[in-house]
C-alpha atoms as a PDB file:
ATOM      1  CA  UNK A   1       5.038  18.276 -86.026  1.00  0.00           C
ATOM      2  CA  UNK A   2       8.692  17.270 -87.286  1.00  0.00           C
ATOM      3  CA  UNK A   3       8.922  13.998 -89.046  1.00  0.00           C
ATOM      4  CA  UNK A   4       9.800  11.144 -86.819  1.00  0.00           C
ATOM      5  CA  UNK A   5      13.681  10.565 -87.250  1.00  0.00           C
ATOM      6  CA  UNK A   6      15.845   7.666 -86.308  1.00  0.00           C
ATOM      7  CA  UNK A   7      17.811   8.678 -83.056  1.00  0.00           C
ATOM      8  CA  UNK A   8      20.945   6.663 -82.550  1.00  0.00           C
ATOM      9  CA  UNK A   9      22.261   6.239 -78.697  1.00  0.00           C
ATOM     10  CA  UNK A  10      20.544   5.807 -75.587  1.00  0.00           C
ATOM     11  CA  UNK A  11      16.971   7.283 -75.127  1.00  0.00           C
ATOM     12  CA  UNK A  12      16.223   4.972 -72.019  1.00  0.00           C
ATOM     13  CA  UNK A  13      18.600   3.684 -69.781  1.00  0.00           C
ATOM     14  CA  UNK A  14      17.064   0.412 -69.076  1.00  0.00           C
ATOM     15  CA  UNK A  15      13.655  -1.333 -68.957  1.00  0.00           C
ATOM     16  CA  UNK A  16      12.861  -3.964 -66.409  1.00  0.00           C
ATOM     17  CA  UNK A  17       9.723  -6.631 -67.233  1.00  0.00           C
ATOM     18  CA  UNK A  18       8.399  -8.590 -64.439  1.00  0.00           C
ATOM     19  CA  UNK A  19       7.160 -12.014 -65.714  1.00  0.00           C
ATOM     20  CA  UNK A  20       4.922 -14.977 -64.264  1.00  0.00           C
ATOM     21  CA  UNK A  21       6.977 -17.732 -66.375  1.00  0.00           C
ATOM     22  CA  UNK A  22      10.865 -16.659 -66.611  1.00  0.00           C
ATOM     23  CA  UNK A  23      11.460 -20.118 -68.393  1.00  0.00           C
ATOM     24  CA  UNK A  24       9.190 -19.150 -71.149  1.00  0.00           C
ATOM     25  CA  UNK A  25      10.162 -15.649 -71.412  1.00  0.00           C
ATOM     26  CA  UNK A  26      14.000 -16.577 -71.421  1.00  0.00           C
ATOM     27  CA  UNK A  27      13.420 -19.108 -74.149  1.00  0.00           C
ATOM     28  CA  UNK A  28      11.543 -16.494 -76.293  1.00  0.00           C
ATOM     29  CA  UNK A  29      13.957 -13.821 -76.077  1.00  0.00           C
ATOM     30  CA  UNK A  30      17.119 -16.230 -76.387  1.00  0.00           C
ATOM     31  CA  UNK A  31      15.431 -17.099 -79.852  1.00  0.00           C
ATOM     32  CA  UNK A  32      14.722 -13.627 -80.707  1.00  0.00           C
ATOM     33  CA  UNK A  33      18.188 -12.305 -79.437  1.00  0.00           C
ATOM     34  CA  UNK A  34      20.061 -15.145 -81.357  1.00  0.00           C
ATOM     35  CA  UNK A  35      18.710 -13.637 -84.439  1.00  0.00           C
ATOM     36  CA  UNK A  36      19.445 -10.084 -83.691  1.00  0.00           C
ATOM     37  CA  UNK A  37      22.983 -11.295 -82.745  1.00  0.00           C
ATOM     38  CA  UNK A  38      22.485  -9.911 -78.936  1.00  0.00           C
ATOM     39  CA  UNK A  39      24.221 -11.789 -76.564  1.00  0.00           C
ATOM     40  CA  UNK A  40      22.227 -12.377 -73.022  1.00  0.00           C
ATOM     41  CA  UNK A  41      23.338 -12.640 -69.636  1.00  0.00           C
ATOM     42  CA  UNK A  42      22.022 -14.019 -66.104  1.00  0.00           C
ATOM     43  CA  UNK A  43      21.481 -17.426 -64.972  1.00  0.00           C
ATOM     44  CA  UNK A  44      20.468 -17.472 -61.373  1.00  0.00           C
ATOM     45  CA  UNK A  45      16.842 -18.557 -62.128  1.00  0.00           C
ATOM     46  CA  UNK A  46      15.490 -15.038 -61.154  1.00  0.00           C
ATOM     47  CA  UNK A  47      16.413 -12.892 -64.140  1.00  0.00           C
ATOM     48  CA  UNK A  48      18.189 -12.554 -67.304  1.00  0.00           C
ATOM     49  CA  UNK A  49      18.932  -9.483 -69.514  1.00  0.00           C
ATOM     50  CA  UNK A  50      20.291  -8.410 -73.080  1.00  0.00           C
ATOM     51  CA  UNK A  51      21.455  -5.069 -73.320  1.00  0.00           C
ATOM     52  CA  UNK A  52      19.476  -2.809 -70.996  1.00  0.00           C
ATOM     53  CA  UNK A  53      16.354  -5.103 -71.057  1.00  0.00           C
ATOM     54  CA  UNK A  54      16.034  -6.909 -67.515  1.00  0.00           C
ATOM     55  CA  UNK A  55      13.786  -9.615 -66.958  1.00  0.00           C
ATOM     56  CA  UNK A  56      12.809 -10.946 -63.739  1.00  0.00           C
ATOM     57  CA  UNK A  57      10.473 -12.795 -61.486  1.00  0.00           C
ATOM     58  CA  UNK A  58       8.369 -10.794 -59.141  1.00  0.00           C
ATOM     59  CA  UNK A  59      10.516 -11.879 -56.170  1.00  0.00           C
ATOM     60  CA  UNK A  60      13.672 -11.148 -57.724  1.00  0.00           C
ATOM     61  CA  UNK A  61      15.885  -8.330 -56.054  1.00  0.00           C
ATOM     62  CA  UNK A  62      16.602  -6.435 -59.164  1.00  0.00           C
ATOM     63  CA  UNK A  63      13.213  -5.699 -60.671  1.00  0.00           C
ATOM     64  CA  UNK A  64      10.529  -6.051 -57.937  1.00  0.00           C
ATOM     65  CA  UNK A  65       6.822  -5.370 -58.495  1.00  0.00           C
ATOM     66  CA  UNK A  66       3.939  -6.337 -59.994  1.00  0.00           C
ATOM     67  CA  UNK A  67       3.564  -8.433 -62.920  1.00  0.00           C
ATOM     68  CA  UNK A  68       4.369  -6.465 -66.122  1.00  0.00           C
ATOM     69  CA  UNK A  69       1.256  -5.598 -68.381  1.00  0.00           C
ATOM     70  CA  UNK A  70       0.978  -5.481 -72.034  1.00  0.00           C
ATOM     71  CA  UNK A  71       4.066  -3.302 -73.726  1.00  0.00           C
ATOM     72  CA  UNK A  72       5.367  -2.567 -77.017  1.00  0.00           C
ATOM     73  CA  UNK A  73       9.154  -2.887 -77.512  1.00  0.00           C
ATOM     74  CA  UNK A  74      10.932  -2.361 -80.618  1.00  0.00           C
ATOM     75  CA  UNK A  75      14.443  -3.479 -81.261  1.00  0.00           C
ATOM     76  CA  UNK A  76      16.566  -2.487 -84.176  1.00  0.00           C
ATOM     77  CA  UNK A  77      17.506  -5.051 -87.006  1.00  0.00           C
ATOM     78  CA  UNK A  78      20.538  -4.605 -89.387  1.00  0.00           C
ATOM     79  CA  UNK A  79      18.393  -5.316 -92.652  1.00  0.00           C
ATOM     80  CA  UNK A  80      14.970  -6.529 -93.638  1.00  0.00           C
ATOM     81  CA  UNK A  81      16.458 -10.578 -93.766  1.00  0.00           C
ATOM     82  CA  UNK A  82      16.915  -9.920 -90.045  1.00  0.00           C
ATOM     83  CA  UNK A  83      13.605  -8.455 -89.368  1.00  0.00           C
ATOM     84  CA  UNK A  84      11.904 -11.479 -91.091  1.00  0.00           C
ATOM     85  CA  UNK A  85      13.999 -13.906 -89.532  1.00  0.00           C
ATOM     86  CA  UNK A  86      13.305 -12.015 -85.979  1.00  0.00           C
ATOM     87  CA  UNK A  87       9.369 -12.298 -86.803  1.00  0.00           C
ATOM     88  CA  UNK A  88       9.622 -16.251 -87.677  1.00  0.00           C
ATOM     89  CA  UNK A  89      11.723 -16.853 -84.504  1.00  0.00           C
ATOM     90  CA  UNK A  90       9.199 -15.028 -82.260  1.00  0.00           C
ATOM     91  CA  UNK A  91       6.515 -16.796 -83.632  1.00  0.00           C
ATOM     92  CA  UNK A  92       7.831 -20.094 -83.154  1.00  0.00           C
ATOM     93  CA  UNK A  93       8.521 -19.252 -79.443  1.00  0.00           C
ATOM     94  CA  UNK A  94       5.087 -17.996 -78.538  1.00  0.00           C
ATOM     95  CA  UNK A  95       5.161 -14.613 -79.822  1.00  0.00           C
ATOM     96  CA  UNK A  96       1.863 -13.315 -81.312  1.00  0.00           C
ATOM     97  CA  UNK A  97       1.356 -11.816 -84.860  1.00  0.00           C
ATOM     98  CA  UNK A  98      -0.024  -8.055 -84.737  1.00  0.00           C
ATOM     99  CA  UNK A  99       0.824  -8.097 -88.483  1.00  0.00           C
ATOM    100  CA  UNK A 100       3.238  -8.772 -90.767  1.00  0.00           C
ATOM    101  CA  UNK A 101       6.689  -7.315 -90.585  1.00  0.00           C
ATOM    102  CA  UNK A 102       7.130  -3.730 -92.161  1.00  0.00           C
ATOM    103  CA  UNK A 103       7.153  -0.004 -91.766  1.00  0.00           C
ATOM    104  CA  UNK A 104       4.267   1.558 -89.816  1.00  0.00           C
ATOM    105  CA  UNK A 105       2.885   4.788 -90.196  1.00  0.00           C
END
C-alpha cells in the first residue's frame, strides 16, 4: 500500500449533518471556524453551513433524515498554531478531547 498523501481539491462534494441542538452546534462550529478563518452562512433557524459542510435540524428541507451519529471530520489548518487554537476553541465550546492535537499514524 502506498504512503498516505495529502491531496488538495475536493474528494467529497458535501457533508450533511442532522443535529438535535442546532444552536449548540452552531456555537461550536462558529468558534472553531472562526479560528480556521472559514466563513459560515445560514440564519433561518433550521440550518447553517461552512464551505461544503451543512448542518441542519431533522425537519429542514436541505438535509432530511435521522440524527447523525458519531463521525470523524478533519479540517485543514494553515499551521500548528492554528491547530492548537482550533483544539482550544473546540474544547471551550463543547468538543471532547480524544487526544492532544498532533499527527496520527
